[in-house]
């Protein structure tokens, strides 16, 4: 996109757990980017 690359992460899960798993995975990916300093680079690039 105009803002750069978009990476996709996927997980196959049971139907009743899909929303719980999705929320937890989003949280962990966000925290990982923050710890690695990538989130700060995204902010500085704008």
ModelCIF file with pLDDT and N, C-alpha, C, O atoms, coordinates in Angstrom:
data_MODEL
#
_entry.id   MODEL 
#
_entity.id                         1 
_entity.type                       polymer 
_entity.pdbx_number_of_molecules   1 
#
_entity_poly.entity_id                      1 
_entity_poly.type                           'polypeptide(L)' 
_entity_poly.nstd_linkage                   no 
_entity_poly.nstd_monomer                   no 
_entity_poly.pdbx_seq_one_letter_code       
;(UNK)(UNK)(UNK)(UNK)(UNK)(UNK)(UNK)(UNK)(UNK)(UNK)(UNK)(UNK)(UNK)(UNK)(UNK)(UNK)
(UNK)(UNK)(UNK)(UNK)(UNK)(UNK)(UNK)(UNK)(UNK)(UNK)(UNK)(UNK)(UNK)(UNK)(UNK)(UNK)
(UNK)(UNK)(UNK)(UNK)(UNK)(UNK)(UNK)(UNK)(UNK)(UNK)(UNK)(UNK)(UNK)(UNK)
;
_entity_poly.pdbx_seq_one_letter_code_can   XXXXXXXXXXXXXXXXXXXXXXXXXXXXXXXXXXXXXXXXXXXXXX 
_entity_poly.pdbx_strand_id                 A 
#
loop_
_entity_poly_seq.entity_id 
_entity_poly_seq.num 
_entity_poly_seq.mon_id 
_entity_poly_seq.hetero 
1 1  UNK n 
1 2  UNK n 
1 3  UNK n 
1 4  UNK n 
1 5  UNK n 
1 6  UNK n 
1 7  UNK n 
1 8  UNK n 
1 9  UNK n 
1 10 UNK n 
1 11 UNK n 
1 12 UNK n 
1 13 UNK n 
1 14 UNK n 
1 15 UNK n 
1 16 UNK n 
1 17 UNK n 
1 18 UNK n 
1 19 UNK n 
1 20 UNK n 
1 21 UNK n 
1 22 UNK n 
1 23 UNK n 
1 24 UNK n 
1 25 UNK n 
1 26 UNK n 
1 27 UNK n 
1 28 UNK n 
1 29 UNK n 
1 30 UNK n 
1 31 UNK n 
1 32 UNK n 
1 33 UNK n 
1 34 UNK n 
1 35 UNK n 
1 36 UNK n 
1 37 UNK n 
1 38 UNK n 
1 39 UNK n 
1 40 UNK n 
1 41 UNK n 
1 42 UNK n 
1 43 UNK n 
1 44 UNK n 
1 45 UNK n 
1 46 UNK n 
#
_struct_asym.id          A 
_struct_asym.entity_id   1 
#
loop_
_ma_qa_metric.id 
_ma_qa_metric.mode 
_ma_qa_metric.name 
_ma_qa_metric.software_group_id 
_ma_qa_metric.type 
1 global pLDDT . pLDDT 
2 local  pLDDT . pLDDT 
#
_ma_qa_metric_global.metric_id      1 
_ma_qa_metric_global.metric_value   83.46 
_ma_qa_metric_global.model_id       1 
_ma_qa_metric_global.ordinal_id     1 
#
loop_
_ma_qa_metric_local.label_asym_id 
_ma_qa_metric_local.label_comp_id 
_ma_qa_metric_local.label_seq_id 
_ma_qa_metric_local.metric_id 
_ma_qa_metric_local.metric_value 
_ma_qa_metric_local.model_id 
_ma_qa_metric_local.ordinal_id 
A UNK 1  2 80.00 1 1  
A UNK 2  2 78.00 1 2  
A UNK 3  2 76.00 1 3  
A UNK 4  2 81.00 1 4  
A UNK 5  2 85.00 1 5  
A UNK 6  2 89.00 1 6  
A UNK 7  2 90.00 1 7  
A UNK 8  2 92.00 1 8  
A UNK 9  2 92.00 1 9  
A UNK 10 2 93.00 1 10 
A UNK 11 2 92.00 1 11 
A UNK 12 2 92.00 1 12 
A UNK 13 2 91.00 1 13 
A UNK 14 2 88.00 1 14 
A UNK 15 2 87.00 1 15 
A UNK 16 2 87.00 1 16 
A UNK 17 2 89.00 1 17 
A UNK 18 2 89.00 1 18 
A UNK 19 2 90.00 1 19 
A UNK 20 2 91.00 1 20 
A UNK 21 2 92.00 1 21 
A UNK 22 2 92.00 1 22 
A UNK 23 2 93.00 1 23 
A UNK 24 2 93.00 1 24 
A UNK 25 2 92.00 1 25 
A UNK 26 2 92.00 1 26 
A UNK 27 2 93.00 1 27 
A UNK 28 2 91.00 1 28 
A UNK 29 2 91.00 1 29 
A UNK 30 2 89.00 1 30 
A UNK 31 2 90.00 1 31 
A UNK 32 2 89.00 1 32 
A UNK 33 2 87.00 1 33 
A UNK 34 2 87.00 1 34 
A UNK 35 2 86.00 1 35 
A UNK 36 2 81.00 1 36 
A UNK 37 2 81.00 1 37 
A UNK 38 2 76.00 1 38 
A UNK 39 2 70.00 1 39 
A UNK 40 2 68.00 1 40 
A UNK 41 2 67.00 1 41 
A UNK 42 2 66.00 1 42 
A UNK 43 2 59.00 1 43 
A UNK 44 2 55.00 1 44 
A UNK 45 2 54.00 1 45 
A UNK 46 2 53.00 1 46 
#
loop_
_atom_site.group_PDB 
_atom_site.id 
_atom_site.type_symbol 
_atom_site.label_atom_id 
_atom_site.label_alt_id 
_atom_site.label_comp_id 
_atom_site.label_asym_id 
_atom_site.label_entity_id 
_atom_site.label_seq_id 
_atom_site.pdbx_PDB_ins_code 
_atom_site.Cartn_x 
_atom_site.Cartn_y 
_atom_site.Cartn_z 
_atom_site.occupancy 
_atom_site.B_iso_or_equiv 
_atom_site.pdbx_formal_charge 
_atom_site.auth_seq_id 
_atom_site.auth_comp_id 
_atom_site.auth_asym_id 
_atom_site.auth_atom_id 
_atom_site.pdbx_PDB_model_num 
ATOM 1   N N  . UNK A 1 1  ? 0.845   -1.188  0.000  1.00 80.00 ? 1  UNK A N  1 
ATOM 2   C CA . UNK A 1 1  ? 0.000   0.000   0.000  1.00 80.00 ? 1  UNK A CA 1 
ATOM 3   C C  . UNK A 1 1  ? 0.881   1.238   0.000  1.00 80.00 ? 1  UNK A C  1 
ATOM 4   O O  . UNK A 1 1  ? 2.108   1.139   -0.014 1.00 80.00 ? 1  UNK A O  1 
ATOM 5   N N  . UNK A 1 2  ? 0.248   2.405   0.016  1.00 78.00 ? 2  UNK A N  1 
ATOM 6   C CA . UNK A 1 2  ? 0.998   3.655   0.071  1.00 78.00 ? 2  UNK A CA 1 
ATOM 7   C C  . UNK A 1 2  ? 1.768   3.791   1.375  1.00 78.00 ? 2  UNK A C  1 
ATOM 8   O O  . UNK A 1 2  ? 2.751   4.530   1.442  1.00 78.00 ? 2  UNK A O  1 
ATOM 9   N N  . UNK A 1 3  ? 1.328   3.084   2.411  1.00 76.00 ? 3  UNK A N  1 
ATOM 10  C CA . UNK A 1 3  ? 2.005   3.124   3.708  1.00 76.00 ? 3  UNK A CA 1 
ATOM 11  C C  . UNK A 1 3  ? 3.043   2.027   3.870  1.00 76.00 ? 3  UNK A C  1 
ATOM 12  O O  . UNK A 1 3  ? 3.688   1.943   4.915  1.00 76.00 ? 3  UNK A O  1 
ATOM 13  N N  . UNK A 1 4  ? 3.221   1.183   2.858  1.00 81.00 ? 4  UNK A N  1 
ATOM 14  C CA . UNK A 1 4  ? 4.230   0.144   2.939  1.00 81.00 ? 4  UNK A CA 1 
ATOM 15  C C  . UNK A 1 4  ? 3.642   -1.247  2.802  1.00 81.00 ? 4  UNK A C  1 
ATOM 16  O O  . UNK A 1 4  ? 2.553   -1.428  2.259  1.00 81.00 ? 4  UNK A O  1 
ATOM 17  N N  . UNK A 1 5  ? 4.391   -2.235  3.308  1.00 85.00 ? 5  UNK A N  1 
ATOM 18  C CA . UNK A 1 5  ? 4.003   -3.626  3.167  1.00 85.00 ? 5  UNK A CA 1 
ATOM 19  C C  . UNK A 1 5  ? 3.028   -4.036  4.270  1.00 85.00 ? 5  UNK A C  1 
ATOM 20  O O  . UNK A 1 5  ? 3.014   -3.465  5.360  1.00 85.00 ? 5  UNK A O  1 
ATOM 21  N N  . UNK A 1 6  ? 2.212   -5.047  3.950  1.00 89.00 ? 6  UNK A N  1 
ATOM 22  C CA . UNK A 1 6  ? 1.267   -5.631  4.906  1.00 89.00 ? 6  UNK A CA 1 
ATOM 23  C C  . UNK A 1 6  ? 1.549   -7.121  4.965  1.00 89.00 ? 6  UNK A C  1 
ATOM 24  O O  . UNK A 1 6  ? 1.478   -7.815  3.950  1.00 89.00 ? 6  UNK A O  1 
ATOM 25  N N  . UNK A 1 7  ? 1.871   -7.616  6.165  1.00 90.00 ? 7  UNK A N  1 
ATOM 26  C CA . UNK A 1 7  ? 2.174   -9.028  6.366  1.00 90.00 ? 7  UNK A CA 1 
ATOM 27  C C  . UNK A 1 7  ? 0.945   -9.753  6.904  1.00 90.00 ? 7  UNK A C  1 
ATOM 28  O O  . UNK A 1 7  ? 0.213   -9.217  7.736  1.00 90.00 ? 7  UNK A O  1 
ATOM 29  N N  . UNK A 1 8  ? 0.729   -10.961 6.430  1.00 92.00 ? 8  UNK A N  1 
ATOM 30  C CA . UNK A 1 8  ? -0.436  -11.749 6.866  1.00 92.00 ? 8  UNK A CA 1 
ATOM 31  C C  . UNK A 1 8  ? -0.001  -12.910 7.753  1.00 92.00 ? 8  UNK A C  1 
ATOM 32  O O  . UNK A 1 8  ? 0.924   -13.655 7.429  1.00 92.00 ? 8  UNK A O  1 
ATOM 33  N N  . UNK A 1 9  ? -0.696  -13.040 8.880  1.00 92.00 ? 9  UNK A N  1 
ATOM 34  C CA . UNK A 1 9  ? -0.544  -14.182 9.780  1.00 92.00 ? 9  UNK A CA 1 
ATOM 35  C C  . UNK A 1 9  ? -1.871  -14.913 9.838  1.00 92.00 ? 9  UNK A C  1 
ATOM 36  O O  . UNK A 1 9  ? -2.921  -14.282 9.957  1.00 92.00 ? 9  UNK A O  1 
ATOM 37  N N  . UNK A 1 10 ? -1.838  -16.232 9.756  1.00 93.00 ? 10 UNK A N  1 
ATOM 38  C CA . UNK A 1 10 ? -3.075  -17.007 9.713  1.00 93.00 ? 10 UNK A CA 1 
ATOM 39  C C  . UNK A 1 10 ? -2.999  -18.154 10.711 1.00 93.00 ? 10 UNK A C  1 
ATOM 40  O O  . UNK A 1 10 ? -1.918  -18.654 11.022 1.00 93.00 ? 10 UNK A O  1 
ATOM 41  N N  . UNK A 1 11 ? -4.164  -18.563 11.208 1.00 92.00 ? 11 UNK A N  1 
ATOM 42  C CA . UNK A 1 11 ? -4.252  -19.681 12.134 1.00 92.00 ? 11 UNK A CA 1 
ATOM 43  C C  . UNK A 1 11 ? -5.586  -20.383 11.906 1.00 92.00 ? 11 UNK A C  1 
ATOM 44  O O  . UNK A 1 11 ? -6.620  -19.728 11.779 1.00 92.00 ? 11 UNK A O  1 
ATOM 45  N N  . UNK A 1 12 ? -5.565  -21.696 11.856 1.00 92.00 ? 12 UNK A N  1 
ATOM 46  C CA . UNK A 1 12 ? -6.770  -22.510 11.688 1.00 92.00 ? 12 UNK A CA 1 
ATOM 47  C C  . UNK A 1 12 ? -7.201  -23.002 13.059 1.00 92.00 ? 12 UNK A C  1 
ATOM 48  O O  . UNK A 1 12 ? -6.424  -23.625 13.782 1.00 92.00 ? 12 UNK A O  1 
ATOM 49  N N  . UNK A 1 13 ? -8.451  -22.714 13.409 1.00 91.00 ? 13 UNK A N  1 
ATOM 50  C CA . UNK A 1 13 ? -8.924  -22.994 14.754 1.00 91.00 ? 13 UNK A CA 1 
ATOM 51  C C  . UNK A 1 13 ? -10.354 -23.502 14.722 1.00 91.00 ? 13 UNK A C  1 
ATOM 52  O O  . UNK A 1 13 ? -11.000 -23.505 13.675 1.00 91.00 ? 13 UNK A O  1 
ATOM 53  N N  . UNK A 1 14 ? -10.840 -23.929 15.872 1.00 88.00 ? 14 UNK A N  1 
ATOM 54  C CA . UNK A 1 14 ? -12.239 -24.360 15.970 1.00 88.00 ? 14 UNK A CA 1 
ATOM 55  C C  . UNK A 1 14 ? -13.151 -23.146 15.897 1.00 88.00 ? 14 UNK A C  1 
ATOM 56  O O  . UNK A 1 14 ? -12.740 -22.032 16.221 1.00 88.00 ? 14 UNK A O  1 
ATOM 57  N N  . UNK A 1 15 ? -14.383 -23.365 15.474 1.00 87.00 ? 15 UNK A N  1 
ATOM 58  C CA . UNK A 1 15 ? -15.288 -22.245 15.256 1.00 87.00 ? 15 UNK A CA 1 
ATOM 59  C C  . UNK A 1 15 ? -15.598 -21.485 16.534 1.00 87.00 ? 15 UNK A C  1 
ATOM 60  O O  . UNK A 1 15 ? -15.688 -20.257 16.519 1.00 87.00 ? 15 UNK A O  1 
ATOM 61  N N  . UNK A 1 16 ? -15.764 -22.203 17.642 1.00 87.00 ? 16 UNK A N  1 
ATOM 62  C CA . UNK A 1 16 ? -16.136 -21.516 18.872 1.00 87.00 ? 16 UNK A CA 1 
ATOM 63  C C  . UNK A 1 16 ? -14.974 -20.728 19.471 1.00 87.00 ? 16 UNK A C  1 
ATOM 64  O O  . UNK A 1 16 ? -15.193 -19.858 20.314 1.00 87.00 ? 16 UNK A O  1 
ATOM 65  N N  . UNK A 1 17 ? -13.733 -21.022 19.046 1.00 89.00 ? 17 UNK A N  1 
ATOM 66  C CA . UNK A 1 17 ? -12.565 -20.341 19.610 1.00 89.00 ? 17 UNK A CA 1 
ATOM 67  C C  . UNK A 1 17 ? -11.998 -19.277 18.685 1.00 89.00 ? 17 UNK A C  1 
ATOM 68  O O  . UNK A 1 17 ? -11.015 -18.626 19.040 1.00 89.00 ? 17 UNK A O  1 
ATOM 69  N N  . UNK A 1 18 ? -12.584 -19.079 17.509 1.00 89.00 ? 18 UNK A N  1 
ATOM 70  C CA . UNK A 1 18 ? -11.958 -18.211 16.519 1.00 89.00 ? 18 UNK A CA 1 
ATOM 71  C C  . UNK A 1 18 ? -11.825 -16.774 16.993 1.00 89.00 ? 18 UNK A C  1 
ATOM 72  O O  . UNK A 1 18 ? -10.813 -16.131 16.713 1.00 89.00 ? 18 UNK A O  1 
ATOM 73  N N  . UNK A 1 19 ? -12.826 -16.248 17.708 1.00 90.00 ? 19 UNK A N  1 
ATOM 74  C CA . UNK A 1 19 ? -12.747 -14.857 18.156 1.00 90.00 ? 19 UNK A CA 1 
ATOM 75  C C  . UNK A 1 19 ? -11.767 -14.713 19.305 1.00 90.00 ? 19 UNK A C  1 
ATOM 76  O O  . UNK A 1 19 ? -11.022 -13.734 19.352 1.00 90.00 ? 19 UNK A O  1 
ATOM 77  N N  . UNK A 1 20 ? -11.745 -15.657 20.230 1.00 91.00 ? 20 UNK A N  1 
ATOM 78  C CA . UNK A 1 20 ? -10.802 -15.604 21.341 1.00 91.00 ? 20 UNK A CA 1 
ATOM 79  C C  . UNK A 1 20 ? -9.365  -15.727 20.846 1.00 91.00 ? 20 UNK A C  1 
ATOM 80  O O  . UNK A 1 20 ? -8.491  -14.978 21.283 1.00 91.00 ? 20 UNK A O  1 
ATOM 81  N N  . UNK A 1 21 ? -9.118  -16.665 19.940 1.00 92.00 ? 21 UNK A N  1 
ATOM 82  C CA . UNK A 1 21 ? -7.780  -16.852 19.393 1.00 92.00 ? 21 UNK A CA 1 
ATOM 83  C C  . UNK A 1 21 ? -7.349  -15.637 18.585 1.00 92.00 ? 21 UNK A C  1 
ATOM 84  O O  . UNK A 1 21 ? -6.196  -15.214 18.673 1.00 92.00 ? 21 UNK A O  1 
ATOM 85  N N  . UNK A 1 22 ? -8.264  -15.066 17.796 1.00 92.00 ? 22 UNK A N  1 
ATOM 86  C CA . UNK A 1 22 ? -7.931  -13.905 16.983 1.00 92.00 ? 22 UNK A CA 1 
ATOM 87  C C  . UNK A 1 22 ? -7.536  -12.707 17.828 1.00 92.00 ? 22 UNK A C  1 
ATOM 88  O O  . UNK A 1 22 ? -6.563  -12.022 17.513 1.00 92.00 ? 22 UNK A O  1 
ATOM 89  N N  . UNK A 1 23 ? -8.281  -12.444 18.899 1.00 93.00 ? 23 UNK A N  1 
ATOM 90  C CA . UNK A 1 23 ? -7.942  -11.303 19.761 1.00 93.00 ? 23 UNK A CA 1 
ATOM 91  C C  . UNK A 1 23 ? -6.587  -11.495 20.441 1.00 93.00 ? 23 UNK A C  1 
ATOM 92  O O  . UNK A 1 23 ? -5.789  -10.560 20.519 1.00 93.00 ? 23 UNK A O  1 
ATOM 93  N N  . UNK A 1 24 ? -6.332  -12.705 20.930 1.00 93.00 ? 24 UNK A N  1 
ATOM 94  C CA . UNK A 1 24 ? -5.066  -12.958 21.610 1.00 93.00 ? 24 UNK A CA 1 
ATOM 95  C C  . UNK A 1 24 ? -3.885  -12.880 20.647 1.00 93.00 ? 24 UNK A C  1 
ATOM 96  O O  . UNK A 1 24 ? -2.827  -12.361 21.003 1.00 93.00 ? 24 UNK A O  1 
ATOM 97  N N  . UNK A 1 25 ? -4.060  -13.391 19.438 1.00 92.00 ? 25 UNK A N  1 
ATOM 98  C CA . UNK A 1 25 ? -2.975  -13.340 18.461 1.00 92.00 ? 25 UNK A CA 1 
ATOM 99  C C  . UNK A 1 25 ? -2.676  -11.898 18.060 1.00 92.00 ? 25 UNK A C  1 
ATOM 100 O O  . UNK A 1 25 ? -1.512  -11.528 17.909 1.00 92.00 ? 25 UNK A O  1 
ATOM 101 N N  . UNK A 1 26 ? -3.706  -11.089 17.887 1.00 92.00 ? 26 UNK A N  1 
ATOM 102 C CA . UNK A 1 26 ? -3.477  -9.667  17.562 1.00 92.00 ? 26 UNK A CA 1 
ATOM 103 C C  . UNK A 1 26 ? -2.703  -8.972  18.679 1.00 92.00 ? 26 UNK A C  1 
ATOM 104 O O  . UNK A 1 26 ? -1.803  -8.174  18.417 1.00 92.00 ? 26 UNK A O  1 
ATOM 105 N N  . UNK A 1 27 ? -3.058  -9.278  19.917 1.00 93.00 ? 27 UNK A N  1 
ATOM 106 C CA . UNK A 1 27 ? -2.360  -8.656  21.044 1.00 93.00 ? 27 UNK A CA 1 
ATOM 107 C C  . UNK A 1 27 ? -0.882  -9.044  21.055 1.00 93.00 ? 27 UNK A C  1 
ATOM 108 O O  . UNK A 1 27 ? -0.015  -8.194  21.253 1.00 93.00 ? 27 UNK A O  1 
ATOM 109 N N  . UNK A 1 28 ? -0.602  -10.311 20.845 1.00 91.00 ? 28 UNK A N  1 
ATOM 110 C CA . UNK A 1 28 ? 0.783   -10.771 20.903 1.00 91.00 ? 28 UNK A CA 1 
ATOM 111 C C  . UNK A 1 28 ? 1.611   -10.227 19.743 1.00 91.00 ? 28 UNK A C  1 
ATOM 112 O O  . UNK A 1 28 ? 2.779   -9.885  19.928 1.00 91.00 ? 28 UNK A O  1 
ATOM 113 N N  . UNK A 1 29 ? 1.029   -10.143 18.567 1.00 91.00 ? 29 UNK A N  1 
ATOM 114 C CA . UNK A 1 29 ? 1.762   -9.581  17.435 1.00 91.00 ? 29 UNK A CA 1 
ATOM 115 C C  . UNK A 1 29 ? 2.059   -8.105  17.658 1.00 91.00 ? 29 UNK A C  1 
ATOM 116 O O  . UNK A 1 29 ? 3.146   -7.628  17.334 1.00 91.00 ? 29 UNK A O  1 
ATOM 117 N N  . UNK A 1 30 ? 1.084   -7.381  18.215 1.00 89.00 ? 30 UNK A N  1 
ATOM 118 C CA . UNK A 1 30 ? 1.290   -5.960  18.490 1.00 89.00 ? 30 UNK A CA 1 
ATOM 119 C C  . UNK A 1 30 ? 2.403   -5.759  19.507 1.00 89.00 ? 30 UNK A C  1 
ATOM 120 O O  . UNK A 1 30 ? 3.263   -4.897  19.324 1.00 89.00 ? 30 UNK A O  1 
ATOM 121 N N  . UNK A 1 31 ? 2.392   -6.545  20.573 1.00 90.00 ? 31 UNK A N  1 
ATOM 122 C CA . UNK A 1 31 ? 3.426   -6.420  21.597 1.00 90.00 ? 31 UNK A CA 1 
ATOM 123 C C  . UNK A 1 31 ? 4.799   -6.799  21.046 1.00 90.00 ? 31 UNK A C  1 
ATOM 124 O O  . UNK A 1 31 ? 5.803   -6.192  21.420 1.00 90.00 ? 31 UNK A O  1 
ATOM 125 N N  . UNK A 1 32 ? 4.852   -7.799  20.160 1.00 89.00 ? 32 UNK A N  1 
ATOM 126 C CA . UNK A 1 32 ? 6.130   -8.197  19.573 1.00 89.00 ? 32 UNK A CA 1 
ATOM 127 C C  . UNK A 1 32 ? 6.719   -7.080  18.724 1.00 89.00 ? 32 UNK A C  1 
ATOM 128 O O  . UNK A 1 32 ? 7.920   -6.821  18.795 1.00 89.00 ? 32 UNK A O  1 
ATOM 129 N N  . UNK A 1 33 ? 5.891   -6.412  17.922 1.00 87.00 ? 33 UNK A N  1 
ATOM 130 C CA . UNK A 1 33 ? 6.366   -5.291  17.114 1.00 87.00 ? 33 UNK A CA 1 
ATOM 131 C C  . UNK A 1 33 ? 6.819   -4.132  17.989 1.00 87.00 ? 33 UNK A C  1 
ATOM 132 O O  . UNK A 1 33 ? 7.775   -3.431  17.658 1.00 87.00 ? 33 UNK A O  1 
ATOM 133 N N  . UNK A 1 34 ? 6.128   -3.934  19.107 1.00 87.00 ? 34 UNK A N  1 
ATOM 134 C CA . UNK A 1 34 ? 6.504   -2.857  20.016 1.00 87.00 ? 34 UNK A CA 1 
ATOM 135 C C  . UNK A 1 34 ? 7.855   -3.147  20.667 1.00 87.00 ? 34 UNK A C  1 
ATOM 136 O O  . UNK A 1 34 ? 8.704   -2.259  20.750 1.00 87.00 ? 34 UNK A O  1 
ATOM 137 N N  . UNK A 1 35 ? 8.063   -4.386  21.132 1.00 86.00 ? 35 UNK A N  1 
ATOM 138 C CA . UNK A 1 35 ? 9.329   -4.730  21.779 1.00 86.00 ? 35 UNK A CA 1 
ATOM 139 C C  . UNK A 1 35 ? 10.500  -4.660  20.799 1.00 86.00 ? 35 UNK A C  1 
ATOM 140 O O  . UNK A 1 35 ? 11.611  -4.291  21.181 1.00 86.00 ? 35 UNK A O  1 
ATOM 141 N N  . UNK A 1 36 ? 10.252  -5.012  19.544 1.00 81.00 ? 36 UNK A N  1 
ATOM 142 C CA . UNK A 1 36 ? 11.325  -4.993  18.544 1.00 81.00 ? 36 UNK A CA 1 
ATOM 143 C C  . UNK A 1 36 ? 11.633  -3.597  18.029 1.00 81.00 ? 36 UNK A C  1 
ATOM 144 O O  . UNK A 1 36 ? 12.592  -3.416  17.278 1.00 81.00 ? 36 UNK A O  1 
ATOM 145 N N  . UNK A 1 37 ? 10.834  -2.601  18.421 1.00 81.00 ? 37 UNK A N  1 
ATOM 146 C CA . UNK A 1 37 ? 11.060  -1.235  17.972 1.00 81.00 ? 37 UNK A CA 1 
ATOM 147 C C  . UNK A 1 37 ? 10.484  -0.919  16.612 1.00 81.00 ? 37 UNK A C  1 
ATOM 148 O O  . UNK A 1 37 ? 10.665  0.191   16.112 1.00 81.00 ? 37 UNK A O  1 
ATOM 149 N N  . UNK A 1 38 ? 9.793   -1.864  15.999 1.00 76.00 ? 38 UNK A N  1 
ATOM 150 C CA . UNK A 1 38 ? 9.229   -1.638  14.664 1.00 76.00 ? 38 UNK A CA 1 
ATOM 151 C C  . UNK A 1 38 ? 8.055   -0.672  14.736 1.00 76.00 ? 38 UNK A C  1 
ATOM 152 O O  . UNK A 1 38 ? 7.865   0.135   13.826 1.00 76.00 ? 38 UNK A O  1 
ATOM 153 N N  . UNK A 1 39 ? 7.269   -0.742  15.800 1.00 70.00 ? 39 UNK A N  1 
ATOM 154 C CA . UNK A 1 39 ? 6.143   0.180   15.949 1.00 70.00 ? 39 UNK A CA 1 
ATOM 155 C C  . UNK A 1 39 ? 6.623   1.616   16.013 1.00 70.00 ? 39 UNK A C  1 
ATOM 156 O O  . UNK A 1 39 ? 5.984   2.508   15.456 1.00 70.00 ? 39 UNK A O  1 
ATOM 157 N N  . UNK A 1 40 ? 7.757   1.855   16.694 1.00 68.00 ? 40 UNK A N  1 
ATOM 158 C CA . UNK A 1 40 ? 8.308   3.207   16.767 1.00 68.00 ? 40 UNK A CA 1 
ATOM 159 C C  . UNK A 1 40 ? 8.788   3.681   15.403 1.00 68.00 ? 40 UNK A C  1 
ATOM 160 O O  . UNK A 1 40 ? 8.647   4.856   15.065 1.00 68.00 ? 40 UNK A O  1 
ATOM 161 N N  . UNK A 1 41 ? 9.354   2.771   14.621 1.00 67.00 ? 41 UNK A N  1 
ATOM 162 C CA . UNK A 1 41 ? 9.793   3.135   13.277 1.00 67.00 ? 41 UNK A CA 1 
ATOM 163 C C  . UNK A 1 41 ? 8.614   3.510   12.391 1.00 67.00 ? 41 UNK A C  1 
ATOM 164 O O  . UNK A 1 41 ? 8.715   4.412   11.559 1.00 67.00 ? 41 UNK A O  1 
ATOM 165 N N  . UNK A 1 42 ? 7.489   2.811   12.575 1.00 66.00 ? 42 UNK A N  1 
ATOM 166 C CA . UNK A 1 42 ? 6.289   3.137   11.790 1.00 66.00 ? 42 UNK A CA 1 
ATOM 167 C C  . UNK A 1 42 ? 5.808   4.535   12.126 1.00 66.00 ? 42 UNK A C  1 
ATOM 168 O O  . UNK A 1 42 ? 5.429   5.295   11.235 1.00 66.00 ? 42 UNK A O  1 
ATOM 169 N N  . UNK A 1 43 ? 5.819   4.883   13.418 1.00 59.00 ? 43 UNK A N  1 
ATOM 170 C CA . UNK A 1 43 ? 5.363   6.212   13.837 1.00 59.00 ? 43 UNK A CA 1 
ATOM 171 C C  . UNK A 1 43 ? 6.278   7.296   13.305 1.00 59.00 ? 43 UNK A C  1 
ATOM 172 O O  . UNK A 1 43 ? 5.820   8.347   12.857 1.00 59.00 ? 43 UNK A O  1 
ATOM 173 N N  . UNK A 1 44 ? 7.586   7.031   13.357 1.00 55.00 ? 44 UNK A N  1 
ATOM 174 C CA . UNK A 1 44 ? 8.539   8.033   12.887 1.00 55.00 ? 44 UNK A CA 1 
ATOM 175 C C  . UNK A 1 44 ? 8.493   8.207   11.385 1.00 55.00 ? 44 UNK A C  1 
ATOM 176 O O  . UNK A 1 44 ? 8.839   9.270   10.870 1.00 55.00 ? 44 UNK A O  1 
ATOM 177 N N  . UNK A 1 45 ? 8.067   7.168   10.675 1.00 54.00 ? 45 UNK A N  1 
ATOM 178 C CA . UNK A 1 45 ? 8.049   7.236   9.214  1.00 54.00 ? 45 UNK A CA 1 
ATOM 179 C C  . UNK A 1 45 ? 6.900   8.074   8.684  1.00 54.00 ? 45 UNK A C  1 
ATOM 180 O O  . UNK A 1 45 ? 6.912   8.486   7.525  1.00 54.00 ? 45 UNK A O  1 
ATOM 181 N N  . UNK A 1 46 ? 5.895   8.330   9.537  1.00 53.00 ? 46 UNK A N  1 
ATOM 182 C CA . UNK A 1 46 ? 4.745   9.113   9.089  1.00 53.00 ? 46 UNK A CA 1 
ATOM 183 C C  . UNK A 1 46 ? 5.047   10.594  9.282  1.00 53.00 ? 46 UNK A C  1 
ATOM 184 O O  . UNK A 1 46 ? 4.210   11.441  8.969  1.00 53.00 ? 46 UNK A O  1 
#
